[in-house]
Amino acid sequence: LPGAWDFTLSFSTAGQFQNGARGEGARKQS
């Protein structure tokens, strides 16, 4: 993709997955 971009990225730390948080891609039950 050419050009420069503005964006924000919000995510959980890898430690949150390793410390018993629900696994990669886990979502709230809905």
PDB file of all heavy atoms in Angstrom:
ATOM      1  N   LEU A   1       0.857  -1.189   0.000  1.00  0.00           N
ATOM      2  CA  LEU A   1       0.000   0.000   0.000  1.00  0.00           C
ATOM      3  C   LEU A   1       0.887   1.232   0.000  1.00  0.00           C
ATOM      4  O   LEU A   1       1.698   1.407   0.902  1.00  0.00           O
ATOM      5  CB  LEU A   1      -0.901   0.028   1.237  1.00  0.00           C
ATOM      6  CG  LEU A   1      -2.104  -0.885   1.220  1.00  0.00           C
ATOM      7  CD1 LEU A   1      -2.813  -0.838   2.568  1.00  0.00           C
ATOM      8  CD2 LEU A   1      -3.065  -0.505   0.116  1.00  0.00           C
ATOM      9  N   PRO A   2       0.744   2.095  -0.991  1.00  0.00           N
ATOM     10  CA  PRO A   2       1.594   3.288  -1.052  1.00  0.00           C
ATOM     11  C   PRO A   2       1.092   4.377  -0.110  1.00  0.00           C
ATOM     12  O   PRO A   2      -0.048   4.352   0.339  1.00  0.00           O
ATOM     13  CB  PRO A   2       1.458   3.729  -2.505  1.00  0.00           C
ATOM     14  CG  PRO A   2       0.083   3.283  -2.893  1.00  0.00           C
ATOM     15  CD  PRO A   2      -0.152   1.995  -2.144  1.00  0.00           C
ATOM     16  N   GLY A   3       1.951   5.309   0.172  1.00  0.00           N
ATOM     17  CA  GLY A   3       1.565   6.482   0.946  1.00  0.00           C
ATOM     18  C   GLY A   3       1.721   6.301   2.440  1.00  0.00           C
ATOM     19  O   GLY A   3       2.076   5.239   2.936  1.00  0.00           O
ATOM     20  N   ALA A   4       1.440   7.387   3.140  1.00  0.00           N
ATOM     21  CA  ALA A   4       1.519   7.405   4.602  1.00  0.00           C
ATOM     22  C   ALA A   4       0.113   7.467   5.174  1.00  0.00           C
ATOM     23  O   ALA A   4      -0.801   7.993   4.543  1.00  0.00           O
ATOM     24  CB  ALA A   4       2.345   8.595   5.068  1.00  0.00           C
ATOM     25  N   TRP A   5      -0.036   6.961   6.405  1.00  0.00           N
ATOM     26  CA  TRP A   5      -1.362   6.777   7.000  1.00  0.00           C
ATOM     27  C   TRP A   5      -1.394   7.278   8.438  1.00  0.00           C
ATOM     28  O   TRP A   5      -0.381   7.301   9.120  1.00  0.00           O
ATOM     29  CB  TRP A   5      -1.741   5.301   6.970  1.00  0.00           C
ATOM     30  CG  TRP A   5      -1.701   4.735   5.596  1.00  0.00           C
ATOM     31  CD1 TRP A   5      -0.633   4.149   4.972  1.00  0.00           C
ATOM     32  CD2 TRP A   5      -2.753   4.751   4.643  1.00  0.00           C
ATOM     33  NE1 TRP A   5      -0.969   3.786   3.697  1.00  0.00           N
ATOM     34  CE2 TRP A   5      -2.263   4.137   3.467  1.00  0.00           C
ATOM     35  CE3 TRP A   5      -4.064   5.203   4.667  1.00  0.00           C
ATOM     36  CZ2 TRP A   5      -3.053   3.978   2.337  1.00  0.00           C
ATOM     37  CZ3 TRP A   5      -4.841   5.045   3.539  1.00  0.00           C
ATOM     38  CH2 TRP A   5      -4.339   4.440   2.384  1.00  0.00           C
ATOM     39  N   ASP A   6      -2.585   7.623   8.899  1.00  0.00           N
ATOM     40  CA  ASP A   6      -2.876   7.914  10.299  1.00  0.00           C
ATOM     41  C   ASP A   6      -3.821   6.823  10.786  1.00  0.00           C
ATOM     42  O   ASP A   6      -4.789   6.485  10.089  1.00  0.00           O
ATOM     43  CB  ASP A   6      -3.585   9.263  10.460  1.00  0.00           C
ATOM     44  CG  ASP A   6      -2.721  10.457  10.106  1.00  0.00           C
ATOM     45  OD1 ASP A   6      -1.484  10.314  10.057  1.00  0.00           O
ATOM     46  OD2 ASP A   6      -3.293  11.533   9.885  1.00  0.00           O
ATOM     47  N   PHE A   7      -3.556   6.260  11.969  1.00  0.00           N
ATOM     48  CA  PHE A   7      -4.438   5.235  12.525  1.00  0.00           C
ATOM     49  C   PHE A   7      -4.128   5.031  13.997  1.00  0.00           C
ATOM     50  O   PHE A   7      -3.081   5.443  14.488  1.00  0.00           O
ATOM     51  CB  PHE A   7      -4.311   3.903  11.773  1.00  0.00           C
ATOM     52  CG  PHE A   7      -2.920   3.363  11.700  1.00  0.00           C
ATOM     53  CD1 PHE A   7      -2.429   2.528  12.700  1.00  0.00           C
ATOM     54  CD2 PHE A   7      -2.095   3.674  10.637  1.00  0.00           C
ATOM     55  CE1 PHE A   7      -1.135   2.032  12.636  1.00  0.00           C
ATOM     56  CE2 PHE A   7      -0.800   3.178  10.564  1.00  0.00           C
ATOM     57  CZ  PHE A   7      -0.316   2.356  11.561  1.00  0.00           C
ATOM     58  N   THR A   8      -5.064   4.393  14.690  1.00  0.00           N
ATOM     59  CA  THR A   8      -4.829   3.952  16.059  1.00  0.00           C
ATOM     60  C   THR A   8      -5.009   2.437  16.088  1.00  0.00           C
ATOM     61  O   THR A   8      -5.769   1.875  15.296  1.00  0.00           O
ATOM     62  CB  THR A   8      -5.791   4.603  17.077  1.00  0.00           C
ATOM     63  OG1 THR A   8      -7.126   4.301  16.698  1.00  0.00           O
ATOM     64  CG2 THR A   8      -5.591   6.099  17.133  1.00  0.00           C
ATOM     65  N   LEU A   9      -4.295   1.801  16.992  1.00  0.00           N
ATOM     66  CA  LEU A   9      -4.349   0.356  17.131  1.00  0.00           C
ATOM     67  C   LEU A   9      -4.433   0.038  18.615  1.00  0.00           C
ATOM     68  O   LEU A   9      -3.564   0.445  19.389  1.00  0.00           O
ATOM     69  CB  LEU A   9      -3.097  -0.260  16.510  1.00  0.00           C
ATOM     70  CG  LEU A   9      -3.020  -1.774  16.454  1.00  0.00           C
ATOM     71  CD1 LEU A   9      -4.115  -2.341  15.547  1.00  0.00           C
ATOM     72  CD2 LEU A   9      -1.655  -2.218  15.949  1.00  0.00           C
ATOM     73  N   SER A  10      -5.489  -0.663  19.010  1.00  0.00           N
ATOM     74  CA  SER A  10      -5.675  -1.027  20.404  1.00  0.00           C
ATOM     75  C   SER A  10      -5.763  -2.542  20.509  1.00  0.00           C
ATOM     76  O   SER A  10      -6.540  -3.177  19.802  1.00  0.00           O
ATOM     77  CB  SER A  10      -6.958  -0.378  20.937  1.00  0.00           C
ATOM     78  OG  SER A  10      -7.082  -0.614  22.315  1.00  0.00           O
ATOM     79  N   PHE A  11      -4.939  -3.121  21.400  1.00  0.00           N
ATOM     80  CA  PHE A  11      -4.891  -4.574  21.532  1.00  0.00           C
ATOM     81  C   PHE A  11      -4.497  -4.946  22.954  1.00  0.00           C
ATOM     82  O   PHE A  11      -4.106  -4.107  23.757  1.00  0.00           O
ATOM     83  CB  PHE A  11      -3.917  -5.180  20.510  1.00  0.00           C
ATOM     84  CG  PHE A  11      -2.500  -4.671  20.612  1.00  0.00           C
ATOM     85  CD1 PHE A  11      -1.536  -5.377  21.305  1.00  0.00           C
ATOM     86  CD2 PHE A  11      -2.143  -3.475  20.008  1.00  0.00           C
ATOM     87  CE1 PHE A  11      -0.237  -4.906  21.390  1.00  0.00           C
ATOM     88  CE2 PHE A  11      -0.844  -2.997  20.082  1.00  0.00           C
ATOM     89  CZ  PHE A  11       0.115  -3.710  20.779  1.00  0.00           C
ATOM     90  N   SER A  12      -4.607  -6.226  23.262  1.00  0.00           N
ATOM     91  CA  SER A  12      -4.212  -6.755  24.569  1.00  0.00           C
ATOM     92  C   SER A  12      -2.765  -7.213  24.490  1.00  0.00           C
ATOM     93  O   SER A  12      -2.297  -7.632  23.440  1.00  0.00           O
ATOM     94  CB  SER A  12      -5.102  -7.946  24.932  1.00  0.00           C
ATOM     95  OG  SER A  12      -6.462  -7.586  24.864  1.00  0.00           O
ATOM     96  N   THR A  13      -2.071  -7.146  25.613  1.00  0.00           N
ATOM     97  CA  THR A  13      -0.684  -7.597  25.618  1.00  0.00           C
ATOM     98  C   THR A  13      -0.628  -9.116  25.489  1.00  0.00           C
ATOM     99  O   THR A  13      -1.586  -9.816  25.830  1.00  0.00           O
ATOM    100  CB  THR A  13       0.037  -7.189  26.913  1.00  0.00           C
ATOM    101  OG1 THR A  13      -0.578  -7.864  28.012  1.00  0.00           O
ATOM    102  CG2 THR A  13       0.019  -5.691  27.116  1.00  0.00           C
ATOM    103  N   ALA A  14       0.497  -9.626  25.011  1.00  0.00           N
ATOM    104  CA  ALA A  14       0.680 -11.071  24.899  1.00  0.00           C
ATOM    105  C   ALA A  14       0.581 -11.718  26.273  1.00  0.00           C
ATOM    106  O   ALA A  14       0.083 -12.831  26.412  1.00  0.00           O
ATOM    107  CB  ALA A  14       2.019 -11.381  24.247  1.00  0.00           C
ATOM    108  N   GLY A  15       1.028 -11.024  27.311  1.00  0.00           N
ATOM    109  CA  GLY A  15       0.963 -11.540  28.668  1.00  0.00           C
ATOM    110  C   GLY A  15      -0.456 -11.806  29.137  1.00  0.00           C
ATOM    111  O   GLY A  15      -0.689 -12.699  29.950  1.00  0.00           O
ATOM    112  N   GLN A  16      -1.412 -11.040  28.634  1.00  0.00           N
ATOM    113  CA  GLN A  16      -2.800 -11.271  29.015  1.00  0.00           C
ATOM    114  C   GLN A  16      -3.283 -12.626  28.523  1.00  0.00           C
ATOM    115  O   GLN A  16      -4.130 -13.242  29.148  1.00  0.00           O
ATOM    116  CB  GLN A  16      -3.697 -10.154  28.476  1.00  0.00           C
ATOM    117  CG  GLN A  16      -3.495  -8.846  29.225  1.00  0.00           C
ATOM    118  CD  GLN A  16      -4.253  -7.708  28.600  1.00  0.00           C
ATOM    119  OE1 GLN A  16      -3.779  -7.087  27.666  1.00  0.00           O
ATOM    120  NE2 GLN A  16      -5.438  -7.452  29.106  1.00  0.00           N
ATOM    121  N   PHE A  17      -2.758 -13.104  27.400  1.00  0.00           N
ATOM    122  CA  PHE A  17      -3.115 -14.431  26.902  1.00  0.00           C
ATOM    123  C   PHE A  17      -2.394 -15.499  27.704  1.00  0.00           C
ATOM    124  O   PHE A  17      -2.940 -16.532  28.020  1.00  0.00           O
ATOM    125  CB  PHE A  17      -2.750 -14.564  25.419  1.00  0.00           C
ATOM    126  CG  PHE A  17      -3.615 -13.720  24.535  1.00  0.00           C
ATOM    127  CD1 PHE A  17      -3.172 -12.495  24.075  1.00  0.00           C
ATOM    128  CD2 PHE A  17      -4.877 -14.147  24.181  1.00  0.00           C
ATOM    129  CE1 PHE A  17      -3.978 -11.711  23.277  1.00  0.00           C
ATOM    130  CE2 PHE A  17      -5.686 -13.370  23.380  1.00  0.00           C
ATOM    131  CZ  PHE A  17      -5.235 -12.149  22.927  1.00  0.00           C
ATOM    132  N   GLN A  18      -1.136 -15.250  28.068  1.00  0.00           N
ATOM    133  CA  GLN A  18      -0.324 -16.226  28.784  1.00  0.00           C
ATOM    134  C   GLN A  18      -0.744 -16.360  30.242  1.00  0.00           C
ATOM    135  O   GLN A  18      -0.495 -17.368  30.864  1.00  0.00           O
ATOM    136  CB  GLN A  18       1.151 -15.831  28.708  1.00  0.00           C
ATOM    137  CG  GLN A  18       1.677 -15.852  27.294  1.00  0.00           C
ATOM    138  CD  GLN A  18       2.982 -15.112  27.141  1.00  0.00           C
ATOM    139  OE1 GLN A  18       3.487 -14.504  28.081  1.00  0.00           O
ATOM    140  NE2 GLN A  18       3.529 -15.126  25.942  1.00  0.00           N
ATOM    141  N   ASN A  19      -1.379 -15.330  30.798  1.00  0.00           N
ATOM    142  CA  ASN A  19      -1.741 -15.334  32.214  1.00  0.00           C
ATOM    143  C   ASN A  19      -3.174 -15.767  32.464  1.00  0.00           C
ATOM    144  O   ASN A  19      -3.799 -15.334  33.412  1.00  0.00           O
ATOM    145  CB  ASN A  19      -1.507 -13.949  32.821  1.00  0.00           C
ATOM    146  CG  ASN A  19      -0.048 -13.599  32.867  1.00  0.00           C
ATOM    147  OD1 ASN A  19       0.796 -14.478  32.985  1.00  0.00           O
ATOM    148  ND2 ASN A  19       0.257 -12.327  32.756  1.00  0.00           N
ATOM    149  N   GLY A  20      -3.701 -16.594  31.565  1.00  0.00           N
ATOM    150  CA  GLY A  20      -5.014 -17.168  31.813  1.00  0.00           C
ATOM    151  C   GLY A  20      -6.168 -16.405  31.231  1.00  0.00           C
ATOM    152  O   GLY A  20      -7.307 -16.811  31.407  1.00  0.00           O
ATOM    153  N   ALA A  21      -5.925 -15.311  30.537  1.00  0.00           N
ATOM    154  CA  ALA A  21      -7.025 -14.636  29.863  1.00  0.00           C
ATOM    155  C   ALA A  21      -7.490 -15.560  28.751  1.00  0.00           C
ATOM    156  O   ALA A  21      -6.781 -16.453  28.323  1.00  0.00           O
ATOM    157  CB  ALA A  21      -6.563 -13.305  29.290  1.00  0.00           C
ATOM    158  N   ARG A  22      -8.685 -15.325  28.289  1.00  0.00           N
ATOM    159  CA  ARG A  22      -9.192 -16.185  27.227  1.00  0.00           C
ATOM    160  C   ARG A  22      -8.296 -16.088  26.021  1.00  0.00           C
ATOM    161  O   ARG A  22      -7.718 -15.058  25.749  1.00  0.00           O
ATOM    162  CB  ARG A  22     -10.627 -15.811  26.898  1.00  0.00           C
ATOM    163  CG  ARG A  22     -11.488 -16.078  28.105  1.00  0.00           C
ATOM    164  CD  ARG A  22     -12.923 -15.870  27.949  1.00  0.00           C
ATOM    165  NE  ARG A  22     -13.320 -15.051  26.830  1.00  0.00           N
ATOM    166  CZ  ARG A  22     -14.542 -14.684  26.624  1.00  0.00           C
ATOM    167  NH1 ARG A  22     -15.468 -15.037  27.439  1.00  0.00           N
ATOM    168  NH2 ARG A  22     -14.852 -13.942  25.589  1.00  0.00           N
ATOM    169  N   GLY A  23      -8.172 -17.174  25.296  1.00  0.00           N
ATOM    170  CA  GLY A  23      -7.188 -17.319  24.233  1.00  0.00           C
ATOM    171  C   GLY A  23      -7.342 -16.403  23.047  1.00  0.00           C
ATOM    172  O   GLY A  23      -8.276 -15.630  22.946  1.00  0.00           O
ATOM    173  N   GLU A  24      -6.383 -16.512  22.142  1.00  0.00           N
ATOM    174  CA  GLU A  24      -6.307 -15.688  20.943  1.00  0.00           C
ATOM    175  C   GLU A  24      -7.643 -15.685  20.231  1.00  0.00           C
ATOM    176  O   GLU A  24      -8.211 -16.704  19.911  1.00  0.00           O
ATOM    177  CB  GLU A  24      -5.231 -16.224  20.015  1.00  0.00           C
ATOM    178  CG  GLU A  24      -5.214 -15.569  18.680  1.00  0.00           C
ATOM    179  CD  GLU A  24      -3.895 -14.910  18.382  1.00  0.00           C
ATOM    180  OE1 GLU A  24      -2.975 -14.982  19.198  1.00  0.00           O
ATOM    181  OE2 GLU A  24      -3.814 -14.315  17.319  1.00  0.00           O
ATOM    182  N   GLY A  25      -8.147 -14.486  19.984  1.00  0.00           N
ATOM    183  CA  GLY A  25      -9.376 -14.346  19.227  1.00  0.00           C
ATOM    184  C   GLY A  25     -10.628 -14.538  20.068  1.00  0.00           C
ATOM    185  O   GLY A  25     -11.726 -14.556  19.526  1.00  0.00           O
ATOM    186  N   ALA A  26     -10.482 -14.706  21.379  1.00  0.00           N
ATOM    187  CA  ALA A  26     -11.667 -14.909  22.210  1.00  0.00           C
ATOM    188  C   ALA A  26     -12.526 -13.660  22.219  1.00  0.00           C
ATOM    189  O   ALA A  26     -12.041 -12.556  22.233  1.00  0.00           O
ATOM    190  CB  ALA A  26     -11.244 -15.250  23.638  1.00  0.00           C
ATOM    191  N   ARG A  27     -13.829 -13.870  22.199  1.00  0.00           N
ATOM    192  CA  ARG A  27     -14.758 -12.751  22.215  1.00  0.00           C
ATOM    193  C   ARG A  27     -15.731 -12.925  23.362  1.00  0.00           C
ATOM    194  O   ARG A  27     -15.960 -14.023  23.834  1.00  0.00           O
ATOM    195  CB  ARG A  27     -15.541 -12.686  20.902  1.00  0.00           C
ATOM    196  CG  ARG A  27     -14.731 -12.242  19.735  1.00  0.00           C
ATOM    197  CD  ARG A  27     -15.626 -12.229  18.501  1.00  0.00           C
ATOM    198  NE  ARG A  27     -15.001 -11.647  17.362  1.00  0.00           N
ATOM    199  CZ  ARG A  27     -13.947 -12.132  16.724  1.00  0.00           C
ATOM    200  NH1 ARG A  27     -13.351 -13.204  17.161  1.00  0.00           N
ATOM    201  NH2 ARG A  27     -13.453 -11.542  15.663  1.00  0.00           N
ATOM    202  N   LYS A  28     -16.348 -11.829  23.777  1.00  0.00           N
ATOM    203  CA  LYS A  28     -17.399 -11.908  24.787  1.00  0.00           C
ATOM    204  C   LYS A  28     -18.528 -12.776  24.255  1.00  0.00           C
ATOM    205  O   LYS A  28     -18.802 -12.793  23.063  1.00  0.00           O
ATOM    206  CB  LYS A  28     -17.960 -10.515  25.088  1.00  0.00           C
ATOM    207  CG  LYS A  28     -17.057  -9.665  25.939  1.00  0.00           C
ATOM    208  CD  LYS A  28     -17.771  -8.375  26.260  1.00  0.00           C
ATOM    209  CE  LYS A  28     -16.909  -7.508  27.138  1.00  0.00           C
ATOM    210  NZ  LYS A  28     -17.556  -6.256  27.452  1.00  0.00           N
ATOM    211  N   GLN A  29     -19.187 -13.476  25.140  1.00  0.00           N
ATOM    212  CA  GLN A  29     -20.326 -14.267  24.728  1.00  0.00           C
ATOM    213  C   GLN A  29     -21.452 -13.325  24.342  1.00  0.00           C
ATOM    214  O   GLN A  29     -21.782 -12.396  25.057  1.00  0.00           O
ATOM    215  CB  GLN A  29     -20.783 -15.187  25.869  1.00  0.00           C
ATOM    216  CG  GLN A  29     -19.767 -16.240  26.237  1.00  0.00           C
ATOM    217  CD  GLN A  29     -19.475 -17.175  25.084  1.00  0.00           C
ATOM    218  OE1 GLN A  29     -20.346 -17.497  24.288  1.00  0.00           O
ATOM    219  NE2 GLN A  29     -18.227 -17.608  24.982  1.00  0.00           N
ATOM    220  N   SER A  30     -22.026 -13.550  23.197  1.00  0.00           N
ATOM    221  CA  SER A  30     -23.162 -12.741  22.754  1.00  0.00           C
ATOM    222  C   SER A  30     -24.071 -13.630  21.933  1.00  0.00           C
ATOM    223  O   SER A  30     -23.756 -14.779  21.667  1.00  0.00           O
ATOM    224  CB  SER A  30     -22.680 -11.542  21.923  1.00  0.00           C
ATOM    225  OG  SER A  30     -22.113 -11.989  20.723  1.00  0.00           O
TER     226      SER A  30
END
